[in-house]
Amino acid sequence: MMNIEEIKRLIPHRYPFLLIDRVDAFEAGKRIVATKNVTANEPFFQGHFPHYSVMPGVLIIEAMAQAAAVFGMKSMGKEHDPNNIYFFAGIDKARFKRPVVPGDTLRLEVALVRTSRGLAKFTAVAYVGDALAAEAELLCVLRPIPVREAP
């Protein structure tokens, strides 16, 4: 089990873009299970959609990627370093099976498929209760952040 403060030590995301609330299970080198409590107060619901609030699919995928980043950083024994970031490198086979709405609890299950030359491939699924909400294959990689010159 990992609380929000522990998650924030591993990844740079912060409100309103931190999309996981806790980690319920972690097996180094294998998998992670995380939770996102979807509330009516989420800023994206103001415009998506005002007459029928639905969590954008891209944010469900982002929540899965954040869980993968927590998994990767924890598995490597690293904490967030402002000079490096765990980037999305690819998304394959993304499918959305049911809408995610305010009041839902999103259970994110991410499993490592393989790593090669610093690139990690994951399978990710998101459930609301026992119902599959979304699934995808994700590629992530830890990379240094380029130093930017002052204007």
Protein backbone atom coordinates (compact mmCIF):
# COMPACT_ATOMS: atom_id res chain seq x y z
CA MET A 1 0.00 0.00 0.00
CA MET A 2 1.27 3.45 -0.91
CA ASN A 3 -0.42 6.75 -0.04
CA ILE A 4 -0.52 9.97 -2.05
CA GLU A 5 2.58 11.43 -0.38
CA GLU A 6 4.62 8.36 -1.31
CA ILE A 7 3.32 8.57 -4.89
CA LYS A 8 4.34 12.25 -5.09
CA ARG A 9 7.90 11.27 -4.13
CA LEU A 10 8.08 9.01 -7.18
CA ILE A 11 6.47 11.04 -9.98
CA PRO A 12 6.33 14.80 -10.68
CA HIS A 13 2.57 15.05 -11.32
CA ARG A 14 0.52 17.31 -9.07
CA TYR A 15 -3.11 18.44 -8.83
CA PRO A 16 -5.01 18.75 -11.09
CA PHE A 17 -2.97 16.31 -13.18
CA LEU A 18 -2.09 13.70 -10.56
CA LEU A 19 -4.54 10.97 -11.52
CA ILE A 20 -3.87 8.23 -8.98
CA ASP A 21 -4.82 8.44 -5.32
CA ARG A 22 -3.17 5.37 -3.85
CA VAL A 23 -1.35 2.16 -4.66
CA ASP A 24 -3.09 -0.96 -3.39
CA ALA A 25 -0.57 -3.59 -4.52
CA PHE A 26 3.00 -3.58 -5.81
CA GLU A 27 5.15 -6.51 -6.90
CA ALA A 28 8.62 -5.35 -7.98
CA GLY A 29 9.33 -6.35 -11.54
CA LYS A 30 5.79 -7.67 -12.07
CA ARG A 31 2.78 -5.42 -11.48
CA ILE A 32 1.06 -2.57 -9.68
CA VAL A 33 -2.57 -1.93 -8.75
CA ALA A 34 -3.58 1.70 -8.17
CA THR A 35 -6.82 3.56 -7.47
CA LYS A 36 -8.28 6.79 -8.84
CA ASN A 37 -11.39 8.05 -7.06
CA VAL A 38 -13.37 9.93 -9.69
CA THR A 39 -15.26 12.85 -8.15
CA ALA A 40 -17.69 15.42 -9.52
CA ASN A 41 -15.12 18.09 -8.63
CA GLU A 42 -12.64 17.00 -11.32
CA PRO A 43 -11.85 20.09 -13.45
CA PHE A 44 -12.30 18.25 -16.76
CA PHE A 45 -15.98 17.55 -16.04
CA GLN A 46 -16.80 21.25 -16.57
CA GLY A 47 -16.37 20.76 -20.30
CA HIS A 48 -16.52 16.97 -20.85
CA PHE A 49 -19.50 16.96 -21.04
CA PRO A 50 -21.58 19.56 -19.16
CA HIS A 51 -24.81 17.60 -19.73
CA TYR A 52 -23.29 14.12 -19.07
CA SER A 53 -20.00 14.04 -17.16
CA VAL A 54 -17.60 11.45 -18.60
CA MET A 55 -13.90 11.11 -17.75
CA PRO A 56 -11.96 11.62 -21.00
CA GLY A 57 -10.45 8.41 -22.32
CA VAL A 58 -7.09 10.08 -22.75
CA LEU A 59 -7.05 10.81 -18.99
CA ILE A 60 -7.85 7.18 -18.20
CA ILE A 61 -4.81 6.23 -20.31
CA GLU A 62 -2.80 8.93 -18.50
CA ALA A 63 -3.83 7.45 -15.13
CA MET A 64 -2.60 4.05 -16.33
CA ALA A 65 0.68 5.65 -17.45
CA GLN A 66 1.11 7.34 -14.07
CA ALA A 67 0.65 3.95 -12.39
CA ALA A 68 3.27 2.54 -14.79
CA ALA A 69 5.63 5.40 -13.87
CA VAL A 70 5.16 4.74 -10.15
CA PHE A 71 5.84 1.06 -10.85
CA GLY A 72 8.97 1.87 -12.84
CA MET A 73 10.42 4.31 -10.34
CA LYS A 74 9.66 2.09 -7.35
CA SER A 75 11.07 -0.98 -9.13
CA MET A 76 14.29 0.92 -9.89
CA GLY A 77 14.49 2.14 -6.30
CA LYS A 78 14.42 5.77 -7.48
CA GLU A 79 12.53 8.83 -6.35
CA HIS A 80 11.48 11.70 -8.60
CA ASP A 81 14.50 13.61 -9.83
CA PRO A 82 13.80 17.00 -11.47
CA ASN A 83 16.53 16.24 -14.04
CA ASN A 84 14.78 13.11 -15.34
CA ILE A 85 11.25 12.17 -16.28
CA TYR A 86 9.50 8.87 -16.98
CA PHE A 87 8.04 9.63 -20.41
CA PHE A 88 5.29 8.00 -22.39
CA ALA A 89 6.93 6.47 -25.48
CA GLY A 90 3.90 4.81 -27.06
CA ILE A 91 0.33 3.62 -26.74
CA ASP A 92 -0.98 0.58 -28.60
CA LYS A 93 -4.26 -1.31 -28.67
CA ALA A 94 -6.15 1.28 -26.59
CA ARG A 95 -9.82 0.37 -26.20
CA PHE A 96 -12.57 1.97 -24.15
CA LYS A 97 -15.36 -0.31 -22.95
CA ARG A 98 -17.56 1.81 -20.65
CA PRO A 99 -17.82 5.43 -19.56
CA VAL A 100 -16.19 6.48 -16.30
CA VAL A 101 -18.39 8.97 -14.43
CA PRO A 102 -18.34 10.90 -11.14
CA GLY A 103 -18.60 8.55 -8.18
CA ASP A 104 -16.72 5.72 -9.91
CA THR A 105 -13.61 4.19 -8.41
CA LEU A 106 -11.13 3.37 -11.14
CA ARG A 107 -8.88 0.37 -10.41
CA LEU A 108 -5.75 0.49 -12.54
CA GLU A 109 -3.86 -2.75 -13.05
CA VAL A 110 -0.53 -2.44 -14.84
CA ALA A 111 1.79 -5.37 -15.53
CA LEU A 112 5.32 -5.32 -16.91
CA VAL A 113 5.69 -7.23 -20.17
CA ARG A 114 9.39 -6.58 -20.78
CA THR A 115 12.21 -4.07 -20.62
CA SER A 116 14.86 -3.48 -23.25
CA ARG A 117 17.51 -0.71 -23.40
CA GLY A 118 15.65 1.36 -20.81
CA LEU A 119 12.28 1.06 -22.58
CA ALA A 120 9.52 -0.69 -20.61
CA LYS A 121 6.40 -2.24 -22.14
CA PHE A 122 3.29 -2.66 -19.99
CA THR A 123 -0.21 -4.04 -20.31
CA ALA A 124 -2.73 -1.84 -18.55
CA VAL A 125 -6.39 -2.29 -17.69
CA ALA A 126 -8.82 -0.02 -15.88
CA TYR A 127 -11.88 -1.39 -14.08
CA VAL A 128 -14.90 0.13 -12.38
CA GLY A 129 -15.94 -2.62 -9.99
CA ASP A 130 -15.70 -5.78 -12.08
CA ALA A 131 -16.47 -3.99 -15.35
CA LEU A 132 -13.62 -3.35 -17.77
CA ALA A 133 -13.50 0.37 -18.57
CA ALA A 134 -10.35 0.58 -20.71
CA GLU A 135 -7.26 -1.34 -21.76
CA ALA A 136 -4.01 -0.52 -23.56
CA GLU A 137 -0.39 -1.43 -24.08
CA LEU A 138 2.00 1.30 -22.92
CA LEU A 139 5.65 2.04 -23.62
CA CYS A 140 7.55 4.21 -21.11
CA VAL A 141 11.16 5.31 -20.77
CA LEU A 142 13.19 7.27 -18.20
CA ARG A 143 15.00 10.15 -19.92
CA PRO A 144 16.95 13.23 -18.84
CA ILE A 145 15.21 16.56 -19.25
CA PRO A 146 17.12 18.79 -21.70
CA VAL A 147 18.63 21.88 -20.12
CA ARG A 148 17.03 25.00 -21.56
CA GLU A 149 18.95 28.20 -22.06
CA ALA A 150 17.47 31.38 -20.56
CA PRO A 151 16.06 33.79 -23.21
